[in-house]
Amino acid sequence: MNVGGSTLDYLASALRGLDAQRQANEHNIANIETPGFRARRVSFEDSLKRAIANDDPGGVKYTTSLSNLSTRWDGNNVRLDDELTALEENALKQQLLTRAVNDQFGRTRAALGR
């Protein structure tokens, strides 16, 4: 039985995508001084939109690519301000989605009379 329906599946997929993005940003920051390191970017939003449009909760794919930003003299292209901004934006999205998950469970509890 899928309590909460596919909505929870989509919310969980979005949270997993945001977690992958967060990890990539943290990895980028950890390698800010590594010569030749190129920042990683994780994308999933378009895949999530397609999965929702096609009613395919399991169809969300996460892709990782290398940033095409210009590099410094040492071949590294991590920009701390971009990474910190992305982490903050990601945290806000995670908070919003977590609230949505909690609201979904609250509606289920209310429907069950608890």
PDB file of N, CA and C in Angstrom:
ATOM      1  N   MET A   1       0.850  -1.184   0.000  1.00  0.00           N
ATOM      2  CA  MET A   1       0.000   0.000   0.000  1.00  0.00           C
ATOM      3  C   MET A   1       0.891   1.242   0.000  1.00  0.00           C
ATOM      4  N   ASN A   2       0.599   2.155  -0.871  1.00  0.00           N
ATOM      5  CA  ASN A   2       1.378   3.384  -0.987  1.00  0.00           C
ATOM      6  C   ASN A   2       0.651   4.505  -0.247  1.00  0.00           C
ATOM      7  N   VAL A   3       0.946   4.663   1.034  1.00  0.00           N
ATOM      8  CA  VAL A   3       0.315   5.707   1.833  1.00  0.00           C
ATOM      9  C   VAL A   3       0.807   7.062   1.346  1.00  0.00           C
ATOM     10  N   GLY A   4      -0.126   7.931   1.000  1.00  0.00           N
ATOM     11  CA  GLY A   4       0.247   9.245   0.508  1.00  0.00           C
ATOM     12  C   GLY A   4       0.334   9.313  -1.004  1.00  0.00           C
ATOM     13  N   GLY A   5       0.248   8.158  -1.658  1.00  0.00           N
ATOM     14  CA  GLY A   5       0.244   8.135  -3.114  1.00  0.00           C
ATOM     15  C   GLY A   5       1.560   8.561  -3.720  1.00  0.00           C
ATOM     16  N   SER A   6       1.506   8.852  -4.998  1.00  0.00           N
ATOM     17  CA  SER A   6       2.722   9.194  -5.729  1.00  0.00           C
ATOM     18  C   SER A   6       3.292  10.552  -5.319  1.00  0.00           C
ATOM     19  N   THR A   7       2.499  11.387  -4.669  1.00  0.00           N
ATOM     20  CA  THR A   7       3.011  12.683  -4.227  1.00  0.00           C
ATOM     21  C   THR A   7       4.242  12.505  -3.353  1.00  0.00           C
ATOM     22  N   LEU A   8       4.170  11.572  -2.414  1.00  0.00           N
ATOM     23  CA  LEU A   8       5.323  11.318  -1.545  1.00  0.00           C
ATOM     24  C   LEU A   8       6.501  10.775  -2.343  1.00  0.00           C
ATOM     25  N   ASP A   9       6.223   9.978  -3.351  1.00  0.00           N
ATOM     26  CA  ASP A   9       7.306   9.462  -4.199  1.00  0.00           C
ATOM     27  C   ASP A   9       8.031  10.604  -4.901  1.00  0.00           C
ATOM     28  N   TYR A  10       7.260  11.553  -5.419  1.00  0.00           N
ATOM     29  CA  TYR A  10       7.877  12.699  -6.106  1.00  0.00           C
ATOM     30  C   TYR A  10       8.642  13.582  -5.124  1.00  0.00           C
ATOM     31  N   LEU A  11       8.067  13.788  -3.953  1.00  0.00           N
ATOM     32  CA  LEU A  11       8.766  14.587  -2.941  1.00  0.00           C
ATOM     33  C   LEU A  11      10.061  13.908  -2.525  1.00  0.00           C
ATOM     34  N   ALA A  12      10.020  12.590  -2.359  1.00  0.00           N
ATOM     35  CA  ALA A  12      11.228  11.841  -1.986  1.00  0.00           C
ATOM     36  C   ALA A  12      12.271  11.926  -3.090  1.00  0.00           C
ATOM     37  N   SER A  13      11.846  11.836  -4.345  1.00  0.00           N
ATOM     38  CA  SER A  13      12.780  11.960  -5.470  1.00  0.00           C
ATOM     39  C   SER A  13      13.429  13.337  -5.492  1.00  0.00           C
ATOM     40  N   ALA A  14      12.626  14.354  -5.230  1.00  0.00           N
ATOM     41  CA  ALA A  14      13.171  15.718  -5.207  1.00  0.00           C
ATOM     42  C   ALA A  14      14.166  15.881  -4.059  1.00  0.00           C
ATOM     43  N   LEU A  15      13.847  15.321  -2.910  1.00  0.00           N
ATOM     44  CA  LEU A  15      14.772  15.404  -1.771  1.00  0.00           C
ATOM     45  C   LEU A  15      16.072  14.660  -2.062  1.00  0.00           C
ATOM     46  N   ARG A  16      15.989  13.505  -2.734  1.00  0.00           N
ATOM     47  CA  ARG A  16      17.210  12.786  -3.111  1.00  0.00           C
ATOM     48  C   ARG A  16      18.041  13.602  -4.101  1.00  0.00           C
ATOM     49  N   GLY A  17      17.373  14.265  -5.035  1.00  0.00           N
ATOM     50  CA  GLY A  17      18.090  15.116  -5.986  1.00  0.00           C
ATOM     51  C   GLY A  17      18.775  16.285  -5.302  1.00  0.00           C
ATOM     52  N   LEU A  18      18.078  16.904  -4.373  1.00  0.00           N
ATOM     53  CA  LEU A  18      18.677  18.016  -3.623  1.00  0.00           C
ATOM     54  C   LEU A  18      19.847  17.538  -2.775  1.00  0.00           C
ATOM     55  N   ASP A  19      19.726  16.338  -2.218  1.00  0.00           N
ATOM     56  CA  ASP A  19      20.828  15.795  -1.439  1.00  0.00           C
ATOM     57  C   ASP A  19      22.050  15.549  -2.331  1.00  0.00           C
ATOM     58  N   ALA A  20      21.822  15.042  -3.529  1.00  0.00           N
ATOM     59  CA  ALA A  20      22.931  14.831  -4.477  1.00  0.00           C
ATOM     60  C   ALA A  20      23.578  16.169  -4.853  1.00  0.00           C
ATOM     61  N   GLN A  21      22.754  17.206  -5.045  1.00  0.00           N
ATOM     62  CA  GLN A  21      23.299  18.524  -5.345  1.00  0.00           C
ATOM     63  C   GLN A  21      24.126  19.046  -4.180  1.00  0.00           C
ATOM     64  N   ARG A  22      23.613  18.893  -2.963  1.00  0.00           N
ATOM     65  CA  ARG A  22      24.339  19.347  -1.777  1.00  0.00           C
ATOM     66  C   ARG A  22      25.691  18.652  -1.669  1.00  0.00           C
ATOM     67  N   GLN A  23      25.679  17.349  -1.866  1.00  0.00           N
ATOM     68  CA  GLN A  23      26.929  16.603  -1.788  1.00  0.00           C
ATOM     69  C   GLN A  23      27.927  17.081  -2.841  1.00  0.00           C
ATOM     70  N   ALA A  24      27.435  17.368  -4.038  1.00  0.00           N
ATOM     71  CA  ALA A  24      28.319  17.857  -5.098  1.00  0.00           C
ATOM     72  C   ALA A  24      28.909  19.213  -4.717  1.00  0.00           C
ATOM     73  N   ASN A  25      28.081  20.105  -4.176  1.00  0.00           N
ATOM     74  CA  ASN A  25      28.582  21.415  -3.752  1.00  0.00           C
ATOM     75  C   ASN A  25      29.627  21.282  -2.657  1.00  0.00           C
ATOM     76  N   GLU A  26      29.374  20.402  -1.691  1.00  0.00           N
ATOM     77  CA  GLU A  26      30.337  20.192  -0.613  1.00  0.00           C
ATOM     78  C   GLU A  26      31.642  19.600  -1.154  1.00  0.00           C
ATOM     79  N   HIS A  27      31.529  18.685  -2.103  1.00  0.00           N
ATOM     80  CA  HIS A  27      32.713  18.089  -2.733  1.00  0.00           C
ATOM     81  C   HIS A  27      33.500  19.161  -3.497  1.00  0.00           C
ATOM     82  N   ASN A  28      32.777  20.037  -4.167  1.00  0.00           N
ATOM     83  CA  ASN A  28      33.432  21.125  -4.900  1.00  0.00           C
ATOM     84  C   ASN A  28      34.217  22.025  -3.943  1.00  0.00           C
ATOM     85  N   ILE A  29      33.580  22.398  -2.843  1.00  0.00           N
ATOM     86  CA  ILE A  29      34.247  23.265  -1.868  1.00  0.00           C
ATOM     87  C   ILE A  29      35.470  22.562  -1.288  1.00  0.00           C
ATOM     88  N   ALA A  30      35.346  21.280  -1.011  1.00  0.00           N
ATOM     89  CA  ALA A  30      36.469  20.532  -0.441  1.00  0.00           C
ATOM     90  C   ALA A  30      37.660  20.490  -1.404  1.00  0.00           C
ATOM     91  N   ASN A  31      37.393  20.661  -2.692  1.00  0.00           N
ATOM     92  CA  ASN A  31      38.453  20.592  -3.700  1.00  0.00           C
ATOM     93  C   ASN A  31      38.789  21.947  -4.306  1.00  0.00           C
ATOM     94  N   ILE A  32      38.469  23.011  -3.611  1.00  0.00           N
ATOM     95  CA  ILE A  32      38.673  24.346  -4.148  1.00  0.00           C
ATOM     96  C   ILE A  32      40.150  24.650  -4.427  1.00  0.00           C
ATOM     97  N   GLU A  33      41.044  23.983  -3.729  1.00  0.00           N
ATOM     98  CA  GLU A  33      42.485  24.204  -3.917  1.00  0.00           C
ATOM     99  C   GLU A  33      43.156  23.088  -4.734  1.00  0.00           C
ATOM    100  N   THR A  34      42.370  22.160  -5.268  1.00  0.00           N
ATOM    101  CA  THR A  34      42.928  21.041  -6.023  1.00  0.00           C
ATOM    102  C   THR A  34      43.171  21.461  -7.464  1.00  0.00           C
ATOM    103  N   PRO A  35      44.424  21.493  -7.911  1.00  0.00           N
ATOM    104  CA  PRO A  35      44.709  21.878  -9.299  1.00  0.00           C
ATOM    105  C   PRO A  35      43.998  20.944 -10.284  1.00  0.00           C
ATOM    106  N   GLY A  36      43.396  21.542 -11.295  1.00  0.00           N
ATOM    107  CA  GLY A  36      42.730  20.783 -12.342  1.00  0.00           C
ATOM    108  C   GLY A  36      41.332  20.297 -12.007  1.00  0.00           C
ATOM    109  N   PHE A  37      40.883  20.534 -10.785  1.00  0.00           N
ATOM    110  CA  PHE A  37      39.552  20.066 -10.397  1.00  0.00           C
ATOM    111  C   PHE A  37      38.490  20.928 -11.058  1.00  0.00           C
ATOM    112  N   ARG A  38      37.485  20.277 -11.619  1.00  0.00           N
ATOM    113  CA  ARG A  38      36.351  20.988 -12.207  1.00  0.00           C
ATOM    114  C   ARG A  38      35.111  20.710 -11.376  1.00  0.00           C
ATOM    115  N   ALA A  39      34.367  21.759 -11.098  1.00  0.00           N
ATOM    116  CA  ALA A  39      33.173  21.658 -10.266  1.00  0.00           C
ATOM    117  C   ALA A  39      32.150  20.714 -10.891  1.00  0.00           C
ATOM    118  N   ARG A  40      31.465  19.967 -10.037  1.00  0.00           N
ATOM    119  CA  ARG A  40      30.399  19.053 -10.466  1.00  0.00           C
ATOM    120  C   ARG A  40      29.052  19.735 -10.301  1.00  0.00           C
ATOM    121  N   ARG A  41      28.158  19.414 -11.204  1.00  0.00           N
ATOM    122  CA  ARG A  41      26.790  19.909 -11.142  1.00  0.00           C
ATOM    123  C   ARG A  41      25.852  18.722 -11.262  1.00  0.00           C
ATOM    124  N   VAL A  42      24.827  18.682 -10.428  1.00  0.00           N
ATOM    125  CA  VAL A  42      23.830  17.617 -10.463  1.00  0.00           C
ATOM    126  C   VAL A  42      22.522  18.217 -10.950  1.00  0.00           C
ATOM    127  N   SER A  43      21.914  17.560 -11.931  1.00  0.00           N
ATOM    128  CA  SER A  43      20.638  18.004 -12.475  1.00  0.00           C
ATOM    129  C   SER A  43      19.602  16.898 -12.307  1.00  0.00           C
ATOM    130  N   PHE A  44      18.403  17.304 -11.956  1.00  0.00           N
ATOM    131  CA  PHE A  44      17.310  16.342 -11.858  1.00  0.00           C
ATOM    132  C   PHE A  44      15.957  16.995 -12.083  1.00  0.00           C
ATOM    133  N   GLU A  45      15.888  18.318 -12.062  1.00  0.00           N
ATOM    134  CA  GLU A  45      14.619  19.023 -12.110  1.00  0.00           C
ATOM    135  C   GLU A  45      13.816  18.727 -13.378  1.00  0.00           C
ATOM    136  N   ASP A  46      14.466  18.747 -14.549  1.00  0.00           N
ATOM    137  CA  ASP A  46      13.747  18.462 -15.790  1.00  0.00           C
ATOM    138  C   ASP A  46      13.235  17.028 -15.810  1.00  0.00           C
ATOM    139  N   SER A  47      14.034  16.107 -15.301  1.00  0.00           N
ATOM    140  CA  SER A  47      13.618  14.709 -15.226  1.00  0.00           C
ATOM    141  C   SER A  47      12.430  14.558 -14.283  1.00  0.00           C
ATOM    142  N   LEU A  48      12.452  15.286 -13.169  1.00  0.00           N
ATOM    143  CA  LEU A  48      11.341  15.248 -12.221  1.00  0.00           C
ATOM    144  C   LEU A  48      10.065  15.778 -12.880  1.00  0.00           C
ATOM    145  N   LYS A  49      10.177  16.868 -13.622  1.00  0.00           N
ATOM    146  CA  LYS A  49       9.008  17.433 -14.319  1.00  0.00           C
ATOM    147  C   LYS A  49       8.435  16.423 -15.310  1.00  0.00           C
ATOM    148  N   ARG A  50       9.316  15.760 -16.070  1.00  0.00           N
ATOM    149  CA  ARG A  50       8.845  14.754 -17.028  1.00  0.00           C
ATOM    150  C   ARG A  50       8.182  13.580 -16.314  1.00  0.00           C
ATOM    151  N   ALA A  51       8.774  13.147 -15.208  1.00  0.00           N
ATOM    152  CA  ALA A  51       8.202  12.032 -14.451  1.00  0.00           C
ATOM    153  C   ALA A  51       6.808  12.387 -13.945  1.00  0.00           C
ATOM    154  N   ILE A  52       6.639  13.597 -13.459  1.00  0.00           N
ATOM    155  CA  ILE A  52       5.326  14.038 -12.975  1.00  0.00           C
ATOM    156  C   ILE A  52       4.337  14.092 -14.138  1.00  0.00           C
ATOM    157  N   ALA A  53       4.768  14.672 -15.261  1.00  0.00           N
ATOM    158  CA  ALA A  53       3.890  14.791 -16.430  1.00  0.00           C
ATOM    159  C   ALA A  53       3.475  13.424 -16.966  1.00  0.00           C
ATOM    160  N   ASN A  54       4.361  12.442 -16.862  1.00  0.00           N
ATOM    161  CA  ASN A  54       4.084  11.097 -17.375  1.00  0.00           C
ATOM    162  C   ASN A  54       3.561  10.145 -16.303  1.00  0.00           C
ATOM    163  N   ASP A  55       3.306  10.674 -15.105  1.00  0.00           N
ATOM    164  CA  ASP A  55       2.850   9.870 -13.973  1.00  0.00           C
ATOM    165  C   ASP A  55       3.754   8.650 -13.769  1.00  0.00           C
ATOM    166  N   ASP A  56       5.057   8.929 -13.676  1.00  0.00           N
ATOM    167  CA  ASP A  56       6.073   7.880 -13.543  1.00  0.00           C
ATOM    168  C   ASP A  56       6.979   8.210 -12.365  1.00  0.00           C
ATOM    169  N   PRO A  57       6.526   7.932 -11.124  1.00  0.00           N
ATOM    170  CA  PRO A  57       7.315   8.291  -9.946  1.00  0.00           C
ATOM    171  C   PRO A  57       8.727   7.716  -9.937  1.00  0.00           C
ATOM    172  N   GLY A  58       8.927   6.583 -10.569  1.00  0.00           N
ATOM    173  CA  GLY A  58      10.252   5.967 -10.601  1.00  0.00           C
ATOM    174  C   GLY A  58      11.126   6.459 -11.739  1.00  0.00           C
ATOM    175  N   GLY A  59      10.617   7.396 -12.524  1.00  0.00           N
ATOM    176  CA  GLY A  59      11.330   7.830 -13.712  1.00  0.00           C
ATOM    177  C   GLY A  59      12.284   8.999 -13.524  1.00  0.00           C
ATOM    178  N   VAL A  60      12.553   9.386 -12.294  1.00  0.00           N
ATOM    179  CA  VAL A  60      13.433  10.533 -12.049  1.00  0.00           C
ATOM    180  C   VAL A  60      14.885  10.075 -12.123  1.00  0.00           C
ATOM    181  N   LYS A  61      15.648  10.732 -12.978  1.00  0.00           N
ATOM    182  CA  LYS A  61      17.071  10.415 -13.147  1.00  0.00           C
ATOM    183  C   LYS A  61      17.905  11.615 -12.693  1.00  0.00           C
ATOM    184  N   TYR A  62      19.029  11.301 -12.074  1.00  0.00           N
ATOM    185  CA  TYR A  62      19.950  12.327 -11.604  1.00  0.00           C
ATOM    186  C   TYR A  62      21.193  12.251 -12.481  1.00  0.00           C
ATOM    187  N   THR A  63      21.587  13.378 -13.048  1.00  0.00           N
ATOM    188  CA  THR A  63      22.777  13.381 -13.891  1.00  0.00           C
ATOM    189  C   THR A  63      23.819  14.322 -13.293  1.00  0.00           C
ATOM    190  N   THR A  64      25.060  13.907 -13.376  1.00  0.00           N
ATOM    191  CA  THR A  64      26.169  14.720 -12.889  1.00  0.00           C
ATOM    192  C   THR A  64      27.023  15.105 -14.086  1.00  0.00           C
ATOM    193  N   SER A  65      27.345  16.378 -14.147  1.00  0.00           N
ATOM    194  CA  SER A  65      28.195  16.873 -15.228  1.00  0.00           C
ATOM    195  C   SER A  65      29.267  17.782 -14.639  1.00  0.00           C
ATOM    196  N   LEU A  66      30.259  18.077 -15.448  1.00  0.00           N
ATOM    197  CA  LEU A  66      31.308  19.003 -15.036  1.00  0.00           C
ATOM    198  C   LEU A  66      30.920  20.414 -15.443  1.00  0.00           C
ATOM    199  N   SER A  67      31.178  21.359 -14.580  1.00  0.00           N
ATOM    200  CA  SER A  67      30.895  22.755 -14.863  1.00  0.00           C
ATOM    201  C   SER A  67      31.758  23.228 -16.017  1.00  0.00           C
ATOM    202  N   ASN A  68      31.172  24.056 -16.870  1.00  0.00           N
ATOM    203  CA  ASN A  68      31.933  24.604 -17.983  1.00  0.00           C
ATOM    204  C   ASN A  68      32.384  26.045 -17.727  1.00  0.00           C
ATOM    205  N   LEU A  69      32.387  26.448 -16.460  1.00  0.00           N
ATOM    206  CA  LEU A  69      32.910  27.766 -16.108  1.00  0.00           C
ATOM    207  C   LEU A  69      34.395  27.827 -16.458  1.00  0.00           C
ATOM    208  N   SER A  70      34.870  29.001 -16.731  1.00  0.00           N
ATOM    209  CA  SER A  70      36.293  29.150 -17.032  1.00  0.00           C
ATOM    210  C   SER A  70      37.130  28.785 -15.811  1.00  0.00           C
ATOM    211  N   THR A  71      38.334  28.352 -16.071  1.00  0.00           N
ATOM    212  CA  THR A  71      39.203  27.897 -14.989  1.00  0.00           C
ATOM    213  C   THR A  71      40.203  28.985 -14.602  1.00  0.00           C
ATOM    214  N   ARG A  72      40.734  28.816 -13.405  1.00  0.00           N
ATOM    215  CA  ARG A  72      41.815  29.682 -12.950  1.00  0.00           C
ATOM    216  C   ARG A  72      43.111  29.188 -13.584  1.00  0.00           C
ATOM    217  N   TRP A  73      44.204  29.831 -13.244  1.00  0.00           N
ATOM    218  CA  TRP A  73      45.523  29.478 -13.784  1.00  0.00           C
ATOM    219  C   TRP A  73      45.909  28.032 -13.488  1.00  0.00           C
ATOM    220  N   ASP A  74      45.350  27.466 -12.376  1.00  0.00           N
ATOM    221  CA  ASP A  74      45.701  26.094 -11.991  1.00  0.00           C
ATOM    222  C   ASP A  74      44.739  25.053 -12.556  1.00  0.00           C
ATOM    223  N   GLY A  75      43.799  25.491 -13.411  1.00  0.00           N
ATOM    224  CA  GLY A  75      42.853  24.568 -14.028  1.00  0.00           C
ATOM    225  C   GLY A  75      41.618  24.277 -13.197  1.00  0.00           C
ATOM    226  N   ASN A  76      41.505  24.858 -12.014  1.00  0.00           N
ATOM    227  CA  ASN A  76      40.371  24.660 -11.132  1.00  0.00           C
ATOM    228  C   ASN A  76      39.309  25.712 -11.455  1.00  0.00           C
ATOM    229  N   ASN A  77      38.042  25.320 -11.465  1.00  0.00           N
ATOM    230  CA  ASN A  77      36.988  26.297 -11.751  1.00  0.00           C
ATOM    231  C   ASN A  77      35.943  26.418 -10.640  1.00  0.00           C
ATOM    232  N   VAL A  78      36.282  25.989  -9.429  1.00  0.00           N
ATOM    233  CA  VAL A  78      35.354  26.121  -8.303  1.00  0.00           C
ATOM    234  C   VAL A  78      35.354  27.571  -7.838  1.00  0.00           C
ATOM    235  N   ARG A  79      34.161  28.123  -7.709  1.00  0.00           N
ATOM    236  CA  ARG A  79      33.995  29.494  -7.221  1.00  0.00           C
ATOM    237  C   ARG A  79      33.227  29.415  -5.906  1.00  0.00           C
ATOM    238  N   LEU A  80      33.908  29.775  -4.839  1.00  0.00           N
ATOM    239  CA  LEU A  80      33.341  29.627  -3.501  1.00  0.00           C
ATOM    240  C   LEU A  80      32.005  30.342  -3.358  1.00  0.00           C
ATOM    241  N   ASP A  81      31.889  31.565  -3.860  1.00  0.00           N
ATOM    242  CA  ASP A  81      30.631  32.301  -3.714  1.00  0.00           C
ATOM    243  C   ASP A  81      29.481  31.579  -4.421  1.00  0.00           C
ATOM    244  N   ASP A  82      29.732  30.992  -5.585  1.00  0.00           N
ATOM    245  CA  ASP A  82      28.691  30.232  -6.287  1.00  0.00           C
ATOM    246  C   ASP A  82      28.285  28.995  -5.490  1.00  0.00           C
ATOM    247  N   GLU A  83      29.267  28.312  -4.935  1.00  0.00           N
ATOM    248  CA  GLU A  83      28.984  27.084  -4.183  1.00  0.00           C
ATOM    249  C   GLU A  83      28.207  27.382  -2.903  1.00  0.00           C
ATOM    250  N   LEU A  84      28.580  28.440  -2.194  1.00  0.00           N
ATOM    251  CA  LEU A  84      27.878  28.793  -0.962  1.00  0.00           C
ATOM    252  C   LEU A  84      26.451  29.250  -1.254  1.00  0.00           C
ATOM    253  N   THR A  85      26.276  30.000  -2.337  1.00  0.00           N
ATOM    254  CA  THR A  85      24.929  30.415  -2.738  1.00  0.00           C
ATOM    255  C   THR A  85      24.080  29.203  -3.087  1.00  0.00           C
ATOM    256  N   ALA A  86      24.656  28.255  -3.827  1.00  0.00           N
ATOM    257  CA  ALA A  86      23.928  27.038  -4.197  1.00  0.00           C
ATOM    258  C   ALA A  86      23.567  26.224  -2.960  1.00  0.00           C
ATOM    259  N   LEU A  87      24.467  26.144  -1.988  1.00  0.00           N
ATOM    260  CA  LEU A  87      24.173  25.412  -0.750  1.00  0.00           C
ATOM    261  C   LEU A  87      23.015  26.058   0.014  1.00  0.00           C
ATOM    262  N   GLU A  88      23.007  27.378   0.073  1.00  0.00           N
ATOM    263  CA  GLU A  88      21.931  28.072   0.794  1.00  0.00           C
ATOM    264  C   GLU A  88      20.594  27.884   0.077  1.00  0.00           C
ATOM    265  N   GLU A  89      20.594  28.017  -1.238  1.00  0.00           N
ATOM    266  CA  GLU A  89      19.369  27.809  -2.010  1.00  0.00           C
ATOM    267  C   GLU A  89      18.871  26.374  -1.840  1.00  0.00           C
ATOM    268  N   ASN A  90      19.791  25.444  -1.870  1.00  0.00           N
ATOM    269  CA  ASN A  90      19.462  24.035  -1.702  1.00  0.00           C
ATOM    270  C   ASN A  90      18.830  23.794  -0.330  1.00  0.00           C
ATOM    271  N   ALA A  91      19.404  24.377   0.714  1.00  0.00           N
ATOM    272  CA  ALA A  91      18.875  24.203   2.072  1.00  0.00           C
ATOM    273  C   ALA A  91      17.443  24.724   2.175  1.00  0.00           C
ATOM    274  N   LEU A  92      17.173  25.847   1.533  1.00  0.00           N
ATOM    275  CA  LEU A  92      15.814  26.397   1.557  1.00  0.00           C
ATOM    276  C   LEU A  92      14.836  25.480   0.837  1.00  0.00           C
ATOM    277  N   LYS A  93      15.255  24.931  -0.284  1.00  0.00           N
ATOM    278  CA  LYS A  93      14.399  23.990  -1.021  1.00  0.00           C
ATOM    279  C   LYS A  93      14.152  22.732  -0.199  1.00  0.00           C
ATOM    280  N   GLN A  94      15.200  22.243   0.476  1.00  0.00           N
ATOM    281  CA  GLN A  94      15.033  21.053   1.309  1.00  0.00           C
ATOM    282  C   GLN A  94      14.049  21.317   2.445  1.00  0.00           C
ATOM    283  N   GLN A  95      14.125  22.491   3.049  1.00  0.00           N
ATOM    284  CA  GLN A  95      13.189  22.837   4.121  1.00  0.00           C
ATOM    285  C   GLN A  95      11.757  22.856   3.595  1.00  0.00           C
ATOM    286  N   LEU A  96      11.561  23.434   2.418  1.00  0.00           N
ATOM    287  CA  LEU A  96      10.231  23.514   1.824  1.00  0.00           C
ATOM    288  C   LEU A  96       9.685  22.123   1.521  1.00  0.00           C
ATOM    289  N   LEU A  97      10.515  21.271   0.936  1.00  0.00           N
ATOM    290  CA  LEU A  97      10.063  19.917   0.610  1.00  0.00           C
ATOM    291  C   LEU A  97       9.812  19.085   1.863  1.00  0.00           C
ATOM    292  N   THR A  98      10.636  19.267   2.881  1.00  0.00           N
ATOM    293  CA  THR A  98      10.421  18.555   4.145  1.00  0.00           C
ATOM    294  C   THR A  98       9.091  18.975   4.763  1.00  0.00           C
ATOM    295  N   ARG A  99       8.786  20.244   4.683  1.00  0.00           N
ATOM    296  CA  ARG A  99       7.486  20.728   5.182  1.00  0.00           C
ATOM    297  C   ARG A  99       6.347  20.092   4.387  1.00  0.00           C
ATOM    298  N   ALA A 100       6.527  19.987   3.066  1.00  0.00           N
ATOM    299  CA  ALA A 100       5.493  19.365   2.233  1.00  0.00           C
ATOM    300  C   ALA A 100       5.297  17.895   2.603  1.00  0.00           C
ATOM    301  N   VAL A 101       6.394  17.183   2.870  1.00  0.00           N
ATOM    302  CA  VAL A 101       6.292  15.782   3.289  1.00  0.00           C
ATOM    303  C   VAL A 101       5.542  15.693   4.617  1.00  0.00           C
ATOM    304  N   ASN A 102       5.892  16.531   5.567  1.00  0.00           N
ATOM    305  CA  ASN A 102       5.218  16.541   6.870  1.00  0.00           C
ATOM    306  C   ASN A 102       3.731  16.858   6.721  1.00  0.00           C
ATOM    307  N   ASP A 103       3.407  17.808   5.841  1.00  0.00           N
ATOM    308  CA  ASP A 103       2.005  18.149   5.598  1.00  0.00           C
ATOM    309  C   ASP A 103       1.254  16.964   4.990  1.00  0.00           C
ATOM    310  N   GLN A 104       1.924  16.259   4.081  1.00  0.00           N
ATOM    311  CA  GLN A 104       1.307  15.091   3.452  1.00  0.00           C
ATOM    312  C   GLN A 104       0.994  14.021   4.501  1.00  0.00           C
ATOM    313  N   PHE A 105       1.940  13.774   5.391  1.00  0.00           N
ATOM    314  CA  PHE A 105       1.695  12.809   6.465  1.00  0.00           C
ATOM    315  C   PHE A 105       0.610  13.307   7.421  1.00  0.00           C
ATOM    316  N   GLY A 106       0.560  14.612   7.663  1.00  0.00           N
ATOM    317  CA  GLY A 106      -0.485  15.174   8.516  1.00  0.00           C
ATOM    318  C   GLY A 106      -1.866  14.954   7.926  1.00  0.00           C
ATOM    319  N   ARG A 107      -1.989  15.118   6.619  1.00  0.00           N
ATOM    320  CA  ARG A 107      -3.279  14.874   5.965  1.00  0.00           C
ATOM    321  C   ARG A 107      -3.662  13.391   6.063  1.00  0.00           C
ATOM    322  N   THR A 108      -2.673  12.539   5.932  1.00  0.00           N
ATOM    323  CA  THR A 108      -2.950  11.096   6.039  1.00  0.00           C
ATOM    324  C   THR A 108      -3.408  10.755   7.449  1.00  0.00           C
ATOM    325  N   ARG A 109      -2.726  11.317   8.451  1.00  0.00           N
ATOM    326  CA  ARG A 109      -3.131  11.074   9.850  1.00  0.00           C
ATOM    327  C   ARG A 109      -4.550  11.599  10.094  1.00  0.00           C
ATOM    328  N   ALA A 110      -4.860  12.772   9.537  1.00  0.00           N
ATOM    329  CA  ALA A 110      -6.190  13.348   9.719  1.00  0.00           C
ATOM    330  C   ALA A 110      -7.243  12.468   9.058  1.00  0.00           C
ATOM    331  N   ALA A 111      -6.917  11.943   7.900  1.00  0.00           N
ATOM    332  CA  ALA A 111      -7.875  11.065   7.197  1.00  0.00           C
ATOM    333  C   ALA A 111      -8.125   9.775   7.973  1.00  0.00           C
ATOM    334  N   LEU A 112      -7.117   9.332   8.703  1.00  0.00           N
ATOM    335  CA  LEU A 112      -7.254   8.129   9.508  1.00  0.00           C
ATOM    336  C   LEU A 112      -7.891   8.408  10.871  1.00  0.00           C
ATOM    337  N   GLY A 113      -8.124   9.695  11.149  1.00  0.00           N
ATOM    338  CA  GLY A 113      -8.763  10.074  12.399  1.00  0.00           C
ATOM    339  C   GLY A 113      -7.847  10.043  13.587  1.00  0.00           C
ATOM    340  N   ARG A 114      -6.555  10.299  13.370  1.00  0.00           N
ATOM    341  CA  ARG A 114      -5.590  10.257  14.475  1.00  0.00           C
ATOM    342  C   ARG A 114      -4.990  11.600  14.724  1.00  0.00           C
TER     343      ARG A 114
END
